């Protein structure tokens, strides 16, 4: 297994976007590309896990509610197999982490849909430690 790419700035992340809605995947991919990231996309948890086996990434941004395995179950699986990959979960139907749901412990940050470009950037910064004391810059 290859370690996630070491990055020197927030603009150099390999990001996997996972959402069952094509418009969301395309929008996020385009936005992340414009911000200097290297996104790729998956339409399901299963295809995301296969993609990660082929090519690790720095960050996964995933929807919570998808057919088959949801984003929280996928996050738990990713955390177990790829502990250094940062994970952002997004949802338009959830208010965020639920205290009695242990799957949230695998998540580094939550993003509520709809979100602004600034909220996306701040969430990525937070999840990757770009704004934390002692983080690599």
Protein backbone atom coordinates (compact mmCIF):
# COMPACT_ATOMS: atom_id res chain seq x y z
CA UNK A 1 0.00 0.00 0.00
CA UNK A 2 1.28 3.44 -0.95
CA UNK A 3 1.09 6.20 1.65
CA UNK A 4 -1.11 9.23 0.85
CA UNK A 5 0.66 11.98 -1.01
CA UNK A 6 2.53 14.39 1.24
CA UNK A 7 1.36 17.85 0.39
CA UNK A 8 2.98 21.19 0.93
CA UNK A 9 -0.14 23.28 0.46
CA UNK A 10 -3.88 22.87 0.50
CA UNK A 11 -3.81 23.16 -3.32
CA UNK A 12 -2.05 19.87 -3.93
CA UNK A 13 -4.43 17.20 -2.63
CA UNK A 14 -5.50 14.01 -4.35
CA UNK A 15 -9.22 13.89 -3.54
CA UNK A 16 -11.77 11.14 -4.15
CA UNK A 17 -15.34 12.46 -4.41
CA UNK A 18 -18.03 9.85 -3.75
CA UNK A 19 -21.68 10.61 -4.49
CA UNK A 20 -24.43 8.74 -6.30
CA UNK A 21 -25.65 11.96 -7.95
CA UNK A 22 -23.69 12.71 -11.15
CA UNK A 23 -24.30 16.47 -10.94
CA UNK A 24 -22.83 16.64 -7.42
CA UNK A 25 -19.76 14.61 -8.47
CA UNK A 26 -19.17 16.78 -11.53
CA UNK A 27 -19.72 20.04 -9.64
CA UNK A 28 -17.33 19.09 -6.83
CA UNK A 29 -14.75 17.73 -9.26
CA UNK A 30 -14.82 20.95 -11.30
CA UNK A 31 -14.68 23.14 -8.20
CA UNK A 32 -11.81 21.16 -6.68
CA UNK A 33 -9.90 21.28 -9.97
CA UNK A 34 -10.31 25.06 -10.10
CA UNK A 35 -8.88 25.21 -6.56
CA UNK A 36 -5.76 23.30 -7.67
CA UNK A 37 -6.68 19.85 -6.35
CA UNK A 38 -6.54 16.59 -8.28
CA UNK A 39 -10.01 15.08 -7.88
CA UNK A 40 -11.37 11.81 -9.15
CA UNK A 41 -14.88 10.48 -8.65
CA UNK A 42 -16.81 7.36 -7.72
CA UNK A 43 -20.57 6.79 -7.88
CA UNK A 44 -20.83 4.35 -4.97
CA UNK A 45 -19.06 3.13 -1.87
CA UNK A 46 -18.12 -0.10 -3.65
CA UNK A 47 -16.51 1.69 -6.59
CA UNK A 48 -14.74 4.09 -4.20
CA UNK A 49 -13.17 1.23 -2.26
CA UNK A 50 -11.98 -0.37 -5.50
CA UNK A 51 -10.56 2.99 -6.61
CA UNK A 52 -8.67 3.36 -3.32
CA UNK A 53 -7.09 -0.07 -3.77
CA UNK A 54 -5.78 1.04 -7.15
CA UNK A 55 -4.66 4.53 -6.14
CA UNK A 56 -4.59 5.95 -2.61
CA UNK A 57 -5.58 9.55 -2.00
CA UNK A 58 -5.18 12.25 0.63
CA UNK A 59 -8.85 12.97 1.20
CA UNK A 60 -12.24 11.36 0.55
CA UNK A 61 -15.33 13.56 0.35
CA UNK A 62 -18.44 11.39 0.46
CA UNK A 63 -22.18 11.73 0.72
CA UNK A 64 -23.80 10.02 3.72
CA UNK A 65 -26.91 8.67 2.01
CA UNK A 66 -26.20 6.48 -1.00
CA UNK A 67 -27.72 3.23 -2.24
CA UNK A 68 -26.17 0.06 -0.87
CA UNK A 69 -23.44 0.98 1.64
CA UNK A 70 -23.78 4.51 3.00
CA UNK A 71 -20.96 7.02 3.45
CA UNK A 72 -20.53 6.37 7.17
CA UNK A 73 -20.06 2.64 6.68
CA UNK A 74 -17.61 3.38 3.88
CA UNK A 75 -15.76 5.89 6.10
CA UNK A 76 -15.36 3.24 8.80
CA UNK A 77 -13.98 0.79 6.23
CA UNK A 78 -11.58 3.38 4.81
CA UNK A 79 -10.37 4.38 8.28
CA UNK A 80 -9.62 0.75 9.11
CA UNK A 81 -7.76 0.04 5.86
CA UNK A 82 -6.23 3.48 5.14
CA UNK A 83 -5.83 5.23 8.51
CA UNK A 84 -3.96 8.22 7.05
CA UNK A 85 -6.67 9.14 4.54
CA UNK A 86 -8.73 12.09 5.76
CA UNK A 87 -12.52 11.79 5.39
CA UNK A 88 -15.18 14.48 4.95
CA UNK A 89 -18.81 13.40 5.02
CA UNK A 90 -21.46 15.61 3.45
CA UNK A 91 -25.23 15.52 3.61
CA UNK A 92 -28.27 17.61 2.87
CA UNK A 93 -30.39 15.42 5.15
CA UNK A 94 -28.34 15.21 8.33
CA UNK A 95 -27.32 17.79 10.91
CA UNK A 96 -23.98 16.07 11.42
CA UNK A 97 -22.46 13.64 13.88
CA UNK A 98 -24.77 11.70 16.16
CA UNK A 99 -23.27 10.91 19.56
CA UNK A 100 -24.52 7.32 19.78
CA UNK A 101 -23.40 6.35 16.26
CA UNK A 102 -19.81 5.06 16.51
CA UNK A 103 -19.31 5.27 12.73
CA UNK A 104 -18.84 9.04 13.08
CA UNK A 105 -15.52 8.41 14.83
CA UNK A 106 -14.02 7.58 11.41
CA UNK A 107 -14.96 11.01 10.05
CA UNK A 108 -12.62 14.00 10.19
CA UNK A 109 -15.19 16.65 9.23
CA UNK A 110 -18.83 17.15 8.24
CA UNK A 111 -20.12 19.38 5.45
CA UNK A 112 -23.80 20.30 5.29
CA UNK A 113 -25.33 20.64 1.80
CA UNK A 114 -25.73 23.13 0.30
CA UNK A 115 -22.36 24.67 1.08
CA UNK A 116 -20.39 27.64 -0.16
CA UNK A 117 -16.96 27.55 -1.78
CA UNK A 118 -15.55 29.04 1.44
CA UNK A 119 -17.21 26.36 3.60
CA UNK A 120 -15.77 23.66 1.34
CA UNK A 121 -12.28 25.15 1.59
CA UNK A 122 -12.51 25.59 5.36
CA UNK A 123 -13.74 22.01 5.79
CA UNK A 124 -10.90 20.62 3.66
CA UNK A 125 -8.41 22.72 5.63
CA UNK A 126 -9.82 21.45 8.90
CA UNK A 127 -9.96 17.80 7.84
CA UNK A 128 -6.42 17.80 6.51
CA UNK A 129 -4.99 19.74 9.44
CA UNK A 130 -3.99 22.71 7.31
CA UNK A 131 -5.24 25.10 10.00
CA UNK A 132 -4.19 23.08 13.05
CA UNK A 133 -1.17 23.97 15.17
CA UNK A 134 1.87 21.99 14.14
CA UNK A 135 0.41 21.01 10.75
CA UNK A 136 2.80 20.83 7.83
CA UNK A 137 2.62 23.88 5.60
